[in-house]
Amino acid sequence: LFSCIDSCLLQEKFDDFDLVIVDDHSPSPIESLLLTKYTDSQLRRIKVIRNSDNLGLGGSLNAGIQAIDAQYIARIDDDDINSPQRLHKQTEFLDSNSDVSVLGSSVWAASKHYDYFHVINNFDLPILRPHSEFSSVLPLKPESTLVFHPTAMIPLKTFDHFGMYRQFRRCQDKELWLRILSMNGTIANLVEPLVVYHTASYKRSLSKQL
């Protein structure tokens, strides 16, 4: 968790952000741990939302989105790590491509102990626009992903237009990506890997079905 938080706080060329942590009613609240690890100036960037009940992933994602007042939302899981350039490069792209509804990237896939890495490119589908290309991605194979979820940067207006995450047990991200495409939205990916993606998490996600 702290490696993930550190990677969020130590961004290069970009310091206009807040870090929202959603605690899905865990047995040990995180606030006391943060006090021992981070400085006052760092803590001012961090907002912790603790769910009163366990809401699951979809409900927790929506709770975080509803607490954010920003142009863009960059998502990440607690066992993944951001590149120092991630926020700068994704915001720069979205600032220049206002029609894009979701922006992802390639990833460095990491082994359990982060001692082995390889790059997974997400570029069979580098940019998807509505209408003609939507039919080409259906049906998706179980192992397919349009955007690696922890790499997603999403304009807040996307949720206003296309709706929030659905509270499925699984595949909330895949359902949202397909809903966006079906409603004439646009999905894009940057070629450069911008997130270290924990391989165990990736393998779990590939096994999930709607």
N, C-alpha and C. Protein backbone atom coordinates (compact mmCIF):
# COMPACT_ATOMS: atom_id res chain seq x y z
N LEU A 1 0.83 -1.21 0.00
CA LEU A 1 0.00 0.00 0.00
C LEU A 1 0.87 1.26 0.00
N PHE A 2 1.90 1.30 0.87
CA PHE A 2 2.69 2.52 0.97
C PHE A 2 3.51 2.77 -0.29
N SER A 3 3.94 1.71 -0.97
CA SER A 3 4.63 1.91 -2.25
C SER A 3 3.71 2.58 -3.27
N CYS A 4 2.45 2.17 -3.25
CA CYS A 4 1.47 2.79 -4.14
C CYS A 4 1.26 4.26 -3.78
N ILE A 5 1.08 4.54 -2.49
CA ILE A 5 0.87 5.93 -2.06
C ILE A 5 2.08 6.78 -2.40
N ASP A 6 3.28 6.26 -2.14
CA ASP A 6 4.50 7.01 -2.47
C ASP A 6 4.54 7.36 -3.95
N SER A 7 4.16 6.40 -4.80
CA SER A 7 4.21 6.64 -6.25
C SER A 7 3.18 7.68 -6.67
N CYS A 8 2.11 7.83 -5.91
CA CYS A 8 1.12 8.88 -6.20
C CYS A 8 1.64 10.25 -5.77
N LEU A 9 2.32 10.30 -4.63
CA LEU A 9 2.77 11.58 -4.09
C LEU A 9 4.01 12.10 -4.81
N LEU A 10 4.84 11.20 -5.34
CA LEU A 10 6.12 11.60 -5.93
C LEU A 10 6.02 11.71 -7.45
N GLN A 11 5.06 12.49 -7.91
CA GLN A 11 4.88 12.68 -9.35
C GLN A 11 5.76 13.83 -9.84
N GLU A 12 6.39 13.64 -11.01
CA GLU A 12 7.23 14.65 -11.61
C GLU A 12 6.40 15.52 -12.56
N LYS A 13 6.71 16.81 -12.59
CA LYS A 13 6.10 17.78 -13.51
C LYS A 13 4.59 17.95 -13.28
N PHE A 14 4.08 17.45 -12.16
CA PHE A 14 2.65 17.58 -11.91
C PHE A 14 2.42 17.52 -10.40
N ASP A 15 1.91 18.63 -9.85
CA ASP A 15 1.68 18.64 -8.40
C ASP A 15 0.30 19.16 -8.02
N ASP A 16 -0.56 19.33 -9.03
CA ASP A 16 -1.90 19.86 -8.77
C ASP A 16 -2.88 18.70 -8.66
N PHE A 17 -2.82 17.96 -7.56
CA PHE A 17 -3.70 16.81 -7.39
C PHE A 17 -3.89 16.52 -5.90
N ASP A 18 -4.95 15.78 -5.62
CA ASP A 18 -5.20 15.22 -4.30
C ASP A 18 -5.31 13.71 -4.44
N LEU A 19 -4.96 13.01 -3.38
CA LEU A 19 -5.01 11.55 -3.35
C LEU A 19 -6.19 11.12 -2.48
N VAL A 20 -7.14 10.43 -3.09
CA VAL A 20 -8.31 9.93 -2.36
C VAL A 20 -8.14 8.42 -2.17
N ILE A 21 -8.16 7.99 -0.92
CA ILE A 21 -8.06 6.57 -0.58
C ILE A 21 -9.41 6.11 -0.06
N VAL A 22 -9.97 5.08 -0.68
CA VAL A 22 -11.25 4.53 -0.24
C VAL A 22 -10.97 3.27 0.58
N ASP A 23 -11.33 3.30 1.84
CA ASP A 23 -11.19 2.17 2.76
C ASP A 23 -12.55 1.48 2.83
N ASP A 24 -12.61 0.29 2.25
CA ASP A 24 -13.90 -0.41 2.16
C ASP A 24 -14.18 -1.18 3.45
N HIS A 25 -14.27 -0.42 4.55
CA HIS A 25 -14.62 -0.97 5.87
C HIS A 25 -13.64 -2.08 6.29
N SER A 26 -12.34 -1.78 6.15
CA SER A 26 -11.32 -2.75 6.56
C SER A 26 -11.26 -2.85 8.08
N PRO A 27 -10.74 -3.96 8.63
CA PRO A 27 -10.67 -4.12 10.09
C PRO A 27 -9.78 -3.08 10.76
N SER A 28 -8.76 -2.61 10.03
CA SER A 28 -7.80 -1.65 10.60
C SER A 28 -7.83 -0.34 9.82
N PRO A 29 -8.48 0.70 10.34
CA PRO A 29 -8.51 1.98 9.64
C PRO A 29 -7.10 2.47 9.33
N ILE A 30 -6.95 3.10 8.17
CA ILE A 30 -5.63 3.45 7.68
C ILE A 30 -5.09 4.77 8.22
N GLU A 31 -5.95 5.63 8.77
CA GLU A 31 -5.52 6.97 9.13
C GLU A 31 -4.33 6.99 10.08
N SER A 32 -4.35 6.14 11.10
CA SER A 32 -3.26 6.15 12.08
C SER A 32 -1.94 5.73 11.45
N LEU A 33 -1.98 4.84 10.47
CA LEU A 33 -0.76 4.43 9.78
C LEU A 33 -0.20 5.57 8.93
N LEU A 34 -1.07 6.33 8.31
CA LEU A 34 -0.62 7.46 7.50
C LEU A 34 0.10 8.50 8.34
N LEU A 35 -0.37 8.71 9.56
CA LEU A 35 0.24 9.72 10.45
C LEU A 35 1.69 9.38 10.78
N THR A 36 2.02 8.10 10.83
CA THR A 36 3.38 7.70 11.17
C THR A 36 4.31 7.72 9.96
N LYS A 37 3.77 7.82 8.78
CA LYS A 37 4.56 7.66 7.55
C LYS A 37 4.80 8.96 6.79
N TYR A 38 3.83 9.88 6.83
CA TYR A 38 3.88 11.03 5.93
C TYR A 38 3.94 12.35 6.70
N THR A 39 4.50 13.36 6.03
CA THR A 39 4.62 14.69 6.61
C THR A 39 3.27 15.41 6.57
N ASP A 40 3.19 16.51 7.30
CA ASP A 40 1.95 17.29 7.32
C ASP A 40 1.59 17.77 5.92
N SER A 41 2.58 18.23 5.15
CA SER A 41 2.28 18.72 3.80
C SER A 41 1.79 17.59 2.90
N GLN A 42 2.33 16.39 3.06
CA GLN A 42 1.84 15.25 2.29
C GLN A 42 0.44 14.83 2.73
N LEU A 43 0.21 14.86 4.03
CA LEU A 43 -1.11 14.46 4.54
C LEU A 43 -2.21 15.39 4.06
N ARG A 44 -1.86 16.67 3.82
CA ARG A 44 -2.87 17.60 3.32
C ARG A 44 -3.36 17.23 1.94
N ARG A 45 -2.58 16.46 1.20
CA ARG A 45 -3.00 15.99 -0.12
C ARG A 45 -3.89 14.76 -0.05
N ILE A 46 -3.90 14.07 1.09
CA ILE A 46 -4.55 12.76 1.19
C ILE A 46 -5.91 12.90 1.87
N LYS A 47 -6.92 12.34 1.23
CA LYS A 47 -8.26 12.28 1.80
C LYS A 47 -8.68 10.82 1.90
N VAL A 48 -9.06 10.38 3.10
CA VAL A 48 -9.47 9.00 3.30
C VAL A 48 -10.99 8.95 3.44
N ILE A 49 -11.62 8.09 2.65
CA ILE A 49 -13.05 7.83 2.76
C ILE A 49 -13.19 6.42 3.30
N ARG A 50 -13.83 6.29 4.44
CA ARG A 50 -14.04 4.96 5.02
C ARG A 50 -15.51 4.61 4.91
N ASN A 51 -15.80 3.54 4.17
CA ASN A 51 -17.18 3.10 4.01
C ASN A 51 -17.71 2.56 5.34
N SER A 52 -18.94 2.91 5.65
CA SER A 52 -19.54 2.42 6.91
C SER A 52 -19.87 0.93 6.83
N ASP A 53 -20.02 0.42 5.62
CA ASP A 53 -20.19 -1.01 5.38
C ASP A 53 -19.30 -1.40 4.21
N ASN A 54 -19.11 -2.70 4.03
CA ASN A 54 -18.34 -3.18 2.89
C ASN A 54 -19.20 -3.06 1.63
N LEU A 55 -18.79 -2.19 0.70
CA LEU A 55 -19.58 -1.91 -0.50
C LEU A 55 -19.10 -2.70 -1.71
N GLY A 56 -17.93 -3.33 -1.62
CA GLY A 56 -17.38 -3.99 -2.79
C GLY A 56 -16.71 -2.98 -3.71
N LEU A 57 -16.13 -3.48 -4.80
CA LEU A 57 -15.34 -2.61 -5.67
C LEU A 57 -16.19 -1.55 -6.35
N GLY A 58 -17.32 -1.93 -6.93
CA GLY A 58 -18.14 -0.96 -7.64
C GLY A 58 -18.61 0.17 -6.73
N GLY A 59 -19.12 -0.18 -5.56
CA GLY A 59 -19.59 0.83 -4.62
C GLY A 59 -18.47 1.72 -4.11
N SER A 60 -17.29 1.13 -3.89
CA SER A 60 -16.14 1.91 -3.41
C SER A 60 -15.64 2.86 -4.48
N LEU A 61 -15.60 2.40 -5.72
CA LEU A 61 -15.21 3.30 -6.81
C LEU A 61 -16.16 4.49 -6.91
N ASN A 62 -17.44 4.23 -6.82
CA ASN A 62 -18.42 5.32 -6.90
C ASN A 62 -18.30 6.27 -5.72
N ALA A 63 -18.01 5.73 -4.52
CA ALA A 63 -17.83 6.60 -3.34
C ALA A 63 -16.64 7.53 -3.55
N GLY A 64 -15.56 7.00 -4.13
CA GLY A 64 -14.40 7.85 -4.40
C GLY A 64 -14.70 8.91 -5.44
N ILE A 65 -15.39 8.54 -6.50
CA ILE A 65 -15.73 9.50 -7.55
C ILE A 65 -16.59 10.63 -7.01
N GLN A 66 -17.56 10.29 -6.16
CA GLN A 66 -18.47 11.29 -5.62
C GLN A 66 -17.77 12.26 -4.67
N ALA A 67 -16.60 11.86 -4.16
CA ALA A 67 -15.86 12.73 -3.23
C ALA A 67 -14.87 13.63 -3.94
N ILE A 68 -14.78 13.51 -5.26
CA ILE A 68 -13.75 14.21 -6.02
C ILE A 68 -14.35 15.39 -6.77
N ASP A 69 -13.66 16.52 -6.66
CA ASP A 69 -14.03 17.71 -7.43
C ASP A 69 -12.81 18.11 -8.25
N ALA A 70 -12.62 17.44 -9.36
CA ALA A 70 -11.44 17.66 -10.19
C ALA A 70 -11.82 17.38 -11.63
N GLN A 71 -10.99 17.83 -12.55
CA GLN A 71 -11.29 17.62 -13.97
C GLN A 71 -11.10 16.16 -14.36
N TYR A 72 -10.05 15.51 -13.81
CA TYR A 72 -9.72 14.14 -14.16
C TYR A 72 -9.58 13.28 -12.92
N ILE A 73 -9.87 12.00 -13.07
CA ILE A 73 -9.69 11.02 -12.01
C ILE A 73 -8.72 9.95 -12.53
N ALA A 74 -7.62 9.74 -11.81
CA ALA A 74 -6.66 8.69 -12.15
C ALA A 74 -6.83 7.57 -11.14
N ARG A 75 -7.16 6.39 -11.63
CA ARG A 75 -7.42 5.26 -10.75
C ARG A 75 -6.17 4.41 -10.59
N ILE A 76 -6.00 3.77 -9.41
CA ILE A 76 -4.95 2.79 -9.21
C ILE A 76 -5.34 1.88 -8.05
N ASP A 77 -4.87 0.62 -8.09
CA ASP A 77 -5.08 -0.31 -6.99
C ASP A 77 -3.95 -0.21 -5.98
N ASP A 78 -4.20 -0.69 -4.76
CA ASP A 78 -3.23 -0.48 -3.70
C ASP A 78 -1.97 -1.33 -3.82
N ASP A 79 -1.95 -2.31 -4.73
CA ASP A 79 -0.74 -3.10 -4.93
C ASP A 79 -0.04 -2.78 -6.24
N ASP A 80 -0.42 -1.67 -6.89
CA ASP A 80 0.22 -1.23 -8.13
C ASP A 80 0.99 0.06 -7.87
N ILE A 81 1.84 0.43 -8.82
CA ILE A 81 2.74 1.57 -8.63
C ILE A 81 2.71 2.45 -9.87
N ASN A 82 2.57 3.76 -9.67
CA ASN A 82 2.58 4.72 -10.77
C ASN A 82 3.99 5.03 -11.23
N SER A 83 4.15 5.24 -12.53
CA SER A 83 5.35 5.90 -13.04
C SER A 83 5.36 7.35 -12.56
N PRO A 84 6.54 7.92 -12.29
CA PRO A 84 6.60 9.33 -11.88
C PRO A 84 6.03 10.29 -12.93
N GLN A 85 5.92 9.83 -14.18
CA GLN A 85 5.43 10.67 -15.27
C GLN A 85 3.95 10.46 -15.57
N ARG A 86 3.30 9.56 -14.85
CA ARG A 86 1.96 9.15 -15.26
C ARG A 86 0.98 10.33 -15.34
N LEU A 87 0.81 11.07 -14.27
CA LEU A 87 -0.21 12.12 -14.25
C LEU A 87 0.09 13.19 -15.29
N HIS A 88 1.36 13.55 -15.42
CA HIS A 88 1.73 14.57 -16.40
C HIS A 88 1.38 14.12 -17.81
N LYS A 89 1.75 12.89 -18.18
CA LYS A 89 1.56 12.43 -19.55
C LYS A 89 0.09 12.20 -19.87
N GLN A 90 -0.67 11.68 -18.91
CA GLN A 90 -2.09 11.43 -19.20
C GLN A 90 -2.89 12.72 -19.24
N THR A 91 -2.61 13.65 -18.33
CA THR A 91 -3.34 14.93 -18.37
C THR A 91 -2.98 15.71 -19.63
N GLU A 92 -1.73 15.66 -20.03
CA GLU A 92 -1.31 16.35 -21.25
C GLU A 92 -2.07 15.82 -22.46
N PHE A 93 -2.23 14.48 -22.54
CA PHE A 93 -2.97 13.89 -23.65
C PHE A 93 -4.44 14.29 -23.60
N LEU A 94 -5.06 14.20 -22.43
CA LEU A 94 -6.49 14.51 -22.33
C LEU A 94 -6.76 15.99 -22.57
N ASP A 95 -5.85 16.85 -22.15
CA ASP A 95 -6.01 18.29 -22.42
C ASP A 95 -6.05 18.56 -23.92
N SER A 96 -5.34 17.73 -24.70
CA SER A 96 -5.28 17.92 -26.15
C SER A 96 -6.31 17.08 -26.91
N ASN A 97 -7.01 16.20 -26.20
CA ASN A 97 -7.98 15.30 -26.84
C ASN A 97 -9.25 15.25 -25.98
N SER A 98 -10.01 16.33 -26.02
CA SER A 98 -11.14 16.48 -25.12
C SER A 98 -12.28 15.51 -25.42
N ASP A 99 -12.23 14.83 -26.59
CA ASP A 99 -13.29 13.88 -26.93
C ASP A 99 -13.06 12.51 -26.31
N VAL A 100 -11.89 12.26 -25.72
CA VAL A 100 -11.58 10.96 -25.16
C VAL A 100 -12.27 10.78 -23.81
N SER A 101 -13.00 9.67 -23.67
CA SER A 101 -13.79 9.41 -22.47
C SER A 101 -13.00 8.65 -21.40
N VAL A 102 -12.07 7.82 -21.83
CA VAL A 102 -11.22 7.04 -20.92
C VAL A 102 -9.85 6.92 -21.57
N LEU A 103 -8.79 7.12 -20.77
CA LEU A 103 -7.43 6.98 -21.26
C LEU A 103 -6.67 5.99 -20.39
N GLY A 104 -6.09 4.96 -21.03
CA GLY A 104 -5.26 4.01 -20.32
C GLY A 104 -3.84 4.05 -20.86
N SER A 105 -3.07 3.02 -20.52
CA SER A 105 -1.70 2.91 -21.02
C SER A 105 -1.30 1.44 -21.01
N SER A 106 -0.12 1.16 -21.57
CA SER A 106 0.48 -0.15 -21.35
C SER A 106 0.93 -0.25 -19.90
N VAL A 107 1.38 -1.44 -19.50
CA VAL A 107 1.81 -1.65 -18.11
C VAL A 107 3.12 -2.43 -18.09
N TRP A 108 3.85 -2.27 -16.98
CA TRP A 108 4.89 -3.21 -16.61
C TRP A 108 4.22 -4.26 -15.72
N ALA A 109 4.17 -5.49 -16.15
CA ALA A 109 3.60 -6.56 -15.31
C ALA A 109 4.69 -7.03 -14.35
N ALA A 110 4.37 -7.05 -13.06
CA ALA A 110 5.35 -7.38 -12.03
C ALA A 110 4.99 -8.70 -11.37
N SER A 111 6.01 -9.47 -10.99
CA SER A 111 5.79 -10.70 -10.26
C SER A 111 5.40 -10.40 -8.82
N LYS A 112 5.09 -11.43 -8.06
CA LYS A 112 4.55 -11.27 -6.71
C LYS A 112 5.42 -10.38 -5.84
N HIS A 113 6.73 -10.55 -5.93
CA HIS A 113 7.65 -9.79 -5.08
C HIS A 113 8.32 -8.64 -5.83
N TYR A 114 7.77 -8.28 -6.98
CA TYR A 114 8.27 -7.17 -7.80
C TYR A 114 9.74 -7.36 -8.20
N ASP A 115 10.14 -8.64 -8.38
CA ASP A 115 11.53 -8.91 -8.77
C ASP A 115 11.63 -9.31 -10.24
N TYR A 116 10.53 -9.28 -10.95
CA TYR A 116 10.54 -9.58 -12.38
C TYR A 116 9.48 -8.72 -13.05
N PHE A 117 9.85 -8.12 -14.18
CA PHE A 117 8.93 -7.24 -14.89
C PHE A 117 8.95 -7.56 -16.38
N HIS A 118 7.81 -7.45 -17.03
CA HIS A 118 7.77 -7.43 -18.47
C HIS A 118 6.64 -6.51 -18.91
N VAL A 119 6.77 -5.96 -20.09
CA VAL A 119 5.81 -4.98 -20.58
C VAL A 119 4.66 -5.70 -21.27
N ILE A 120 3.43 -5.31 -20.93
CA ILE A 120 2.25 -5.76 -21.66
C ILE A 120 1.68 -4.54 -22.39
N ASN A 121 1.70 -4.62 -23.70
CA ASN A 121 1.13 -3.53 -24.50
C ASN A 121 -0.36 -3.77 -24.71
N ASN A 122 -1.10 -2.70 -24.72
CA ASN A 122 -2.56 -2.80 -24.86
C ASN A 122 -2.98 -2.19 -26.19
N PHE A 123 -2.33 -2.63 -27.28
CA PHE A 123 -2.50 -1.87 -28.49
C PHE A 123 -2.98 -2.62 -29.71
N ASP A 124 -3.67 -3.73 -29.49
CA ASP A 124 -4.47 -4.22 -30.60
C ASP A 124 -5.56 -3.18 -30.90
N LEU A 125 -5.94 -2.43 -29.86
CA LEU A 125 -7.00 -1.43 -29.97
C LEU A 125 -6.48 -0.10 -29.40
N PRO A 126 -5.58 0.60 -30.11
CA PRO A 126 -4.97 1.78 -29.52
C PRO A 126 -5.93 2.93 -29.28
N ILE A 127 -6.90 3.08 -30.17
CA ILE A 127 -7.92 4.10 -29.93
C ILE A 127 -9.22 3.61 -30.54
N LEU A 128 -10.27 3.71 -29.78
CA LEU A 128 -11.57 3.22 -30.22
C LEU A 128 -12.55 4.37 -30.26
N ARG A 129 -13.14 4.55 -31.42
CA ARG A 129 -14.18 5.56 -31.57
C ARG A 129 -15.50 4.85 -31.85
N PRO A 130 -16.59 5.53 -31.73
CA PRO A 130 -17.89 4.87 -31.83
C PRO A 130 -18.24 4.39 -33.23
N HIS A 131 -19.40 3.78 -33.29
CA HIS A 131 -20.01 3.34 -34.55
C HIS A 131 -19.21 2.21 -35.21
N SER A 132 -18.38 2.52 -36.20
CA SER A 132 -17.79 1.49 -37.04
C SER A 132 -16.89 0.54 -36.27
N GLU A 133 -16.20 1.05 -35.24
CA GLU A 133 -15.24 0.19 -34.55
C GLU A 133 -15.85 -0.56 -33.38
N PHE A 134 -17.01 -0.15 -32.92
CA PHE A 134 -17.59 -0.82 -31.76
C PHE A 134 -17.87 -2.29 -32.05
N SER A 135 -18.41 -2.58 -33.22
CA SER A 135 -18.74 -3.97 -33.54
C SER A 135 -17.51 -4.85 -33.64
N SER A 136 -16.34 -4.26 -33.92
CA SER A 136 -15.13 -5.06 -34.11
C SER A 136 -14.59 -5.60 -32.79
N VAL A 137 -15.02 -5.07 -31.65
CA VAL A 137 -14.50 -5.56 -30.37
C VAL A 137 -15.48 -6.50 -29.68
N LEU A 138 -16.57 -6.83 -30.34
CA LEU A 138 -17.55 -7.73 -29.74
C LEU A 138 -17.63 -9.03 -30.54
N PRO A 139 -17.72 -10.21 -29.94
CA PRO A 139 -17.65 -10.36 -28.49
C PRO A 139 -16.20 -10.32 -28.03
N LEU A 140 -15.94 -9.78 -26.85
CA LEU A 140 -14.59 -9.77 -26.30
C LEU A 140 -14.24 -11.15 -25.77
N LYS A 141 -13.01 -11.56 -25.99
CA LYS A 141 -12.53 -12.77 -25.35
C LYS A 141 -12.39 -12.53 -23.85
N PRO A 142 -12.49 -13.58 -23.04
CA PRO A 142 -12.37 -13.38 -21.58
C PRO A 142 -11.07 -12.72 -21.17
N GLU A 143 -9.98 -12.97 -21.93
CA GLU A 143 -8.68 -12.41 -21.54
C GLU A 143 -8.48 -10.99 -22.07
N SER A 144 -9.44 -10.46 -22.81
CA SER A 144 -9.28 -9.14 -23.40
C SER A 144 -9.57 -8.04 -22.40
N THR A 145 -8.88 -6.92 -22.59
CA THR A 145 -9.22 -5.73 -21.83
C THR A 145 -9.02 -4.52 -22.72
N LEU A 146 -9.96 -3.63 -22.72
CA LEU A 146 -9.85 -2.43 -23.53
C LEU A 146 -8.91 -1.42 -22.87
N VAL A 147 -8.95 -1.38 -21.54
CA VAL A 147 -8.08 -0.51 -20.75
C VAL A 147 -7.69 -1.28 -19.50
N PHE A 148 -6.40 -1.34 -19.19
CA PHE A 148 -6.00 -1.90 -17.89
C PHE A 148 -6.56 -0.96 -16.81
N HIS A 149 -7.40 -1.50 -15.95
CA HIS A 149 -8.16 -0.64 -15.04
C HIS A 149 -7.27 0.27 -14.18
N PRO A 150 -6.16 -0.23 -13.60
CA PRO A 150 -5.34 0.67 -12.78
C PRO A 150 -4.63 1.78 -13.55
N THR A 151 -4.66 1.72 -14.89
CA THR A 151 -4.05 2.79 -15.69
C THR A 151 -5.06 3.84 -16.11
N ALA A 152 -6.32 3.66 -15.79
CA ALA A 152 -7.37 4.53 -16.34
C ALA A 152 -7.31 5.93 -15.74
N MET A 153 -7.27 6.91 -16.62
CA MET A 153 -7.54 8.30 -16.23
C MET A 153 -8.83 8.69 -16.95
N ILE A 154 -9.79 9.17 -16.17
CA ILE A 154 -11.13 9.38 -16.69
C ILE A 154 -11.59 10.80 -16.37
N PRO A 155 -11.96 11.58 -17.38
CA PRO A 155 -12.54 12.89 -17.09
C PRO A 155 -13.81 12.74 -16.24
N LEU A 156 -13.98 13.62 -15.29
CA LEU A 156 -15.15 13.54 -14.43
C LEU A 156 -16.44 13.62 -15.24
N LYS A 157 -16.41 14.37 -16.33
CA LYS A 157 -17.60 14.52 -17.18
C LYS A 157 -18.02 13.19 -17.80
N THR A 158 -17.09 12.23 -17.91
CA THR A 158 -17.44 10.92 -18.45
C THR A 158 -18.52 10.26 -17.60
N PHE A 159 -18.39 10.35 -16.27
CA PHE A 159 -19.37 9.73 -15.39
C PHE A 159 -20.71 10.48 -15.43
N ASP A 160 -20.65 11.79 -15.62
CA ASP A 160 -21.90 12.55 -15.77
C ASP A 160 -22.66 12.11 -17.02
N HIS A 161 -21.93 11.82 -18.08
CA HIS A 161 -22.57 11.51 -19.36
C HIS A 161 -22.95 10.04 -19.49
N PHE A 162 -22.05 9.15 -19.05
CA PHE A 162 -22.25 7.71 -19.29
C PHE A 162 -22.69 6.94 -18.05
N GLY A 163 -22.69 7.58 -16.90
CA GLY A 163 -23.09 6.90 -15.67
C GLY A 163 -21.91 6.35 -14.90
N MET A 164 -22.19 5.88 -13.69
CA MET A 164 -21.17 5.41 -12.76
C MET A 164 -20.91 3.92 -12.99
N TYR A 165 -20.00 3.38 -12.16
CA TYR A 165 -19.77 1.93 -12.18
C TYR A 165 -21.02 1.20 -11.71
N ARG A 166 -21.34 0.11 -12.36
CA ARG A 166 -22.43 -0.75 -11.91
C ARG A 166 -21.92 -1.66 -10.79
N GLN A 167 -22.80 -2.01 -9.88
CA GLN A 167 -22.37 -2.77 -8.72
C GLN A 167 -22.46 -4.27 -8.98
N PHE A 168 -21.74 -4.70 -10.00
CA PHE A 168 -21.57 -6.13 -10.25
C PHE A 168 -20.51 -6.67 -9.29
N ARG A 169 -20.50 -7.98 -9.10
CA ARG A 169 -19.43 -8.58 -8.32
C ARG A 169 -18.11 -8.49 -9.05
N ARG A 170 -18.15 -8.55 -10.39
CA ARG A 170 -16.94 -8.60 -11.19
C ARG A 170 -17.10 -7.80 -12.47
N CYS A 171 -15.96 -7.51 -13.07
CA CYS A 171 -15.91 -6.89 -14.41
C CYS A 171 -16.62 -5.55 -14.49
N GLN A 172 -16.58 -4.78 -13.39
CA GLN A 172 -17.18 -3.45 -13.44
C GLN A 172 -16.53 -2.58 -14.51
N ASP A 173 -15.21 -2.74 -14.67
CA ASP A 173 -14.51 -1.91 -15.64
C ASP A 173 -14.89 -2.27 -17.07
N LYS A 174 -14.88 -3.56 -17.39
CA LYS A 174 -15.20 -3.98 -18.76
C LYS A 174 -16.61 -3.53 -19.14
N GLU A 175 -17.56 -3.65 -18.21
CA GLU A 175 -18.93 -3.22 -18.49
C GLU A 175 -18.98 -1.73 -18.78
N LEU A 176 -18.22 -0.94 -18.00
CA LEU A 176 -18.22 0.51 -18.21
C LEU A 176 -17.59 0.86 -19.56
N TRP A 177 -16.48 0.21 -19.91
CA TRP A 177 -15.85 0.52 -21.19
C TRP A 177 -16.81 0.23 -22.35
N LEU A 178 -17.48 -0.92 -22.30
CA LEU A 178 -18.41 -1.28 -23.38
C LEU A 178 -19.61 -0.35 -23.41
N ARG A 179 -20.08 0.06 -22.25
CA ARG A 179 -21.20 1.01 -22.21
C ARG A 179 -20.80 2.34 -22.84
N ILE A 180 -19.60 2.81 -22.54
CA ILE A 180 -19.11 4.06 -23.12
C ILE A 180 -19.05 3.96 -24.63
N LEU A 181 -18.49 2.87 -25.14
CA LEU A 181 -18.40 2.71 -26.60
C LEU A 181 -19.78 2.62 -27.23
N SER A 182 -20.69 1.91 -26.57
CA SER A 182 -22.03 1.75 -27.15
C SER A 182 -22.81 3.05 -27.17
N MET A 183 -22.39 4.03 -26.33
CA MET A 183 -23.04 5.32 -26.27
C MET A 183 -22.22 6.41 -26.97
N ASN A 184 -21.38 5.96 -27.92
CA ASN A 184 -20.62 6.88 -28.77
C ASN A 184 -19.47 7.58 -28.07
N GLY A 185 -18.94 6.99 -27.02
CA GLY A 185 -17.75 7.52 -26.38
C GLY A 185 -16.49 7.02 -27.06
N THR A 186 -15.35 7.53 -26.61
CA THR A 186 -14.05 7.21 -27.20
C THR A 186 -13.10 6.74 -26.11
N ILE A 187 -12.38 5.65 -26.40
CA ILE A 187 -11.39 5.09 -25.48
C ILE A 187 -10.03 5.15 -26.17
N ALA A 188 -9.00 5.52 -25.42
CA ALA A 188 -7.65 5.59 -25.98
C ALA A 188 -6.64 5.01 -24.98
N ASN A 189 -5.49 4.60 -25.49
CA ASN A 189 -4.39 4.11 -24.67
C ASN A 189 -3.09 4.74 -25.12
N LEU A 190 -2.23 5.12 -24.17
CA LEU A 190 -0.89 5.56 -24.48
C LEU A 190 0.01 4.33 -24.63
N VAL A 191 0.92 4.38 -25.60
CA VAL A 191 1.81 3.25 -25.86
C VAL A 191 2.75 3.00 -24.69
N GLU A 192 3.21 4.05 -24.06
CA GLU A 192 4.19 3.92 -22.98
C GLU A 192 3.58 3.28 -21.74
N PRO A 193 4.24 2.31 -21.10
CA PRO A 193 3.73 1.79 -19.83
C PRO A 193 3.88 2.84 -18.73
N LEU A 194 2.81 3.08 -17.98
CA LEU A 194 2.82 4.12 -16.95
C LEU A 194 2.46 3.59 -15.56
N VAL A 195 2.20 2.29 -15.46
CA VAL A 195 1.86 1.68 -14.17
C VAL A 195 2.54 0.33 -14.06
N VAL A 196 3.11 0.03 -12.88
CA VAL A 196 3.58 -1.31 -12.56
C VAL A 196 2.37 -2.08 -12.04
N TYR A 197 1.98 -3.09 -12.79
CA TYR A 197 0.74 -3.82 -12.55
C TYR A 197 1.08 -5.16 -11.92
N HIS A 198 0.58 -5.39 -10.70
CA HIS A 198 0.88 -6.62 -9.99
C HIS A 198 0.30 -7.81 -10.74
N THR A 199 1.15 -8.76 -11.13
CA THR A 199 0.72 -9.84 -12.02
C THR A 199 -0.39 -10.68 -11.42
N ALA A 200 -0.33 -10.92 -10.12
CA ALA A 200 -1.38 -11.74 -9.49
C ALA A 200 -2.74 -11.08 -9.66
N SER A 201 -2.79 -9.75 -9.53
CA SER A 201 -4.05 -9.03 -9.71
C SER A 201 -4.54 -9.16 -11.15
N TYR A 202 -3.60 -9.07 -12.09
CA TYR A 202 -3.96 -9.16 -13.50
C TYR A 202 -4.53 -10.54 -13.81
N LYS A 203 -3.87 -11.60 -13.30
CA LYS A 203 -4.36 -12.95 -13.56
C LYS A 203 -5.74 -13.17 -12.94
N ARG A 204 -5.97 -12.59 -11.77
CA ARG A 204 -7.31 -12.71 -11.15
C ARG A 204 -8.34 -12.03 -12.04
N SER A 205 -8.01 -10.84 -12.53
CA SER A 205 -8.99 -10.09 -13.33
C SER A 205 -9.33 -10.81 -14.62
N LEU A 206 -8.36 -11.53 -15.20
CA LEU A 206 -8.61 -12.22 -16.45
C LEU A 206 -9.56 -13.40 -16.26
N SER A 207 -9.62 -13.92 -15.04
CA SER A 207 -10.46 -15.09 -14.79
C SER A 207 -11.90 -14.72 -14.48
N LYS A 208 -12.18 -13.43 -14.33
CA LYS A 208 -13.51 -13.02 -13.92
C LYS A 208 -14.45 -12.91 -15.12
N GLN A 209 -15.69 -13.24 -14.90
CA GLN A 209 -16.70 -13.14 -15.95
C GLN A 209 -17.85 -12.28 -15.43
N LEU A 210 -18.55 -11.62 -16.33
CA LEU A 210 -19.75 -10.87 -15.94
C LEU A 210 -20.81 -11.82 -15.40
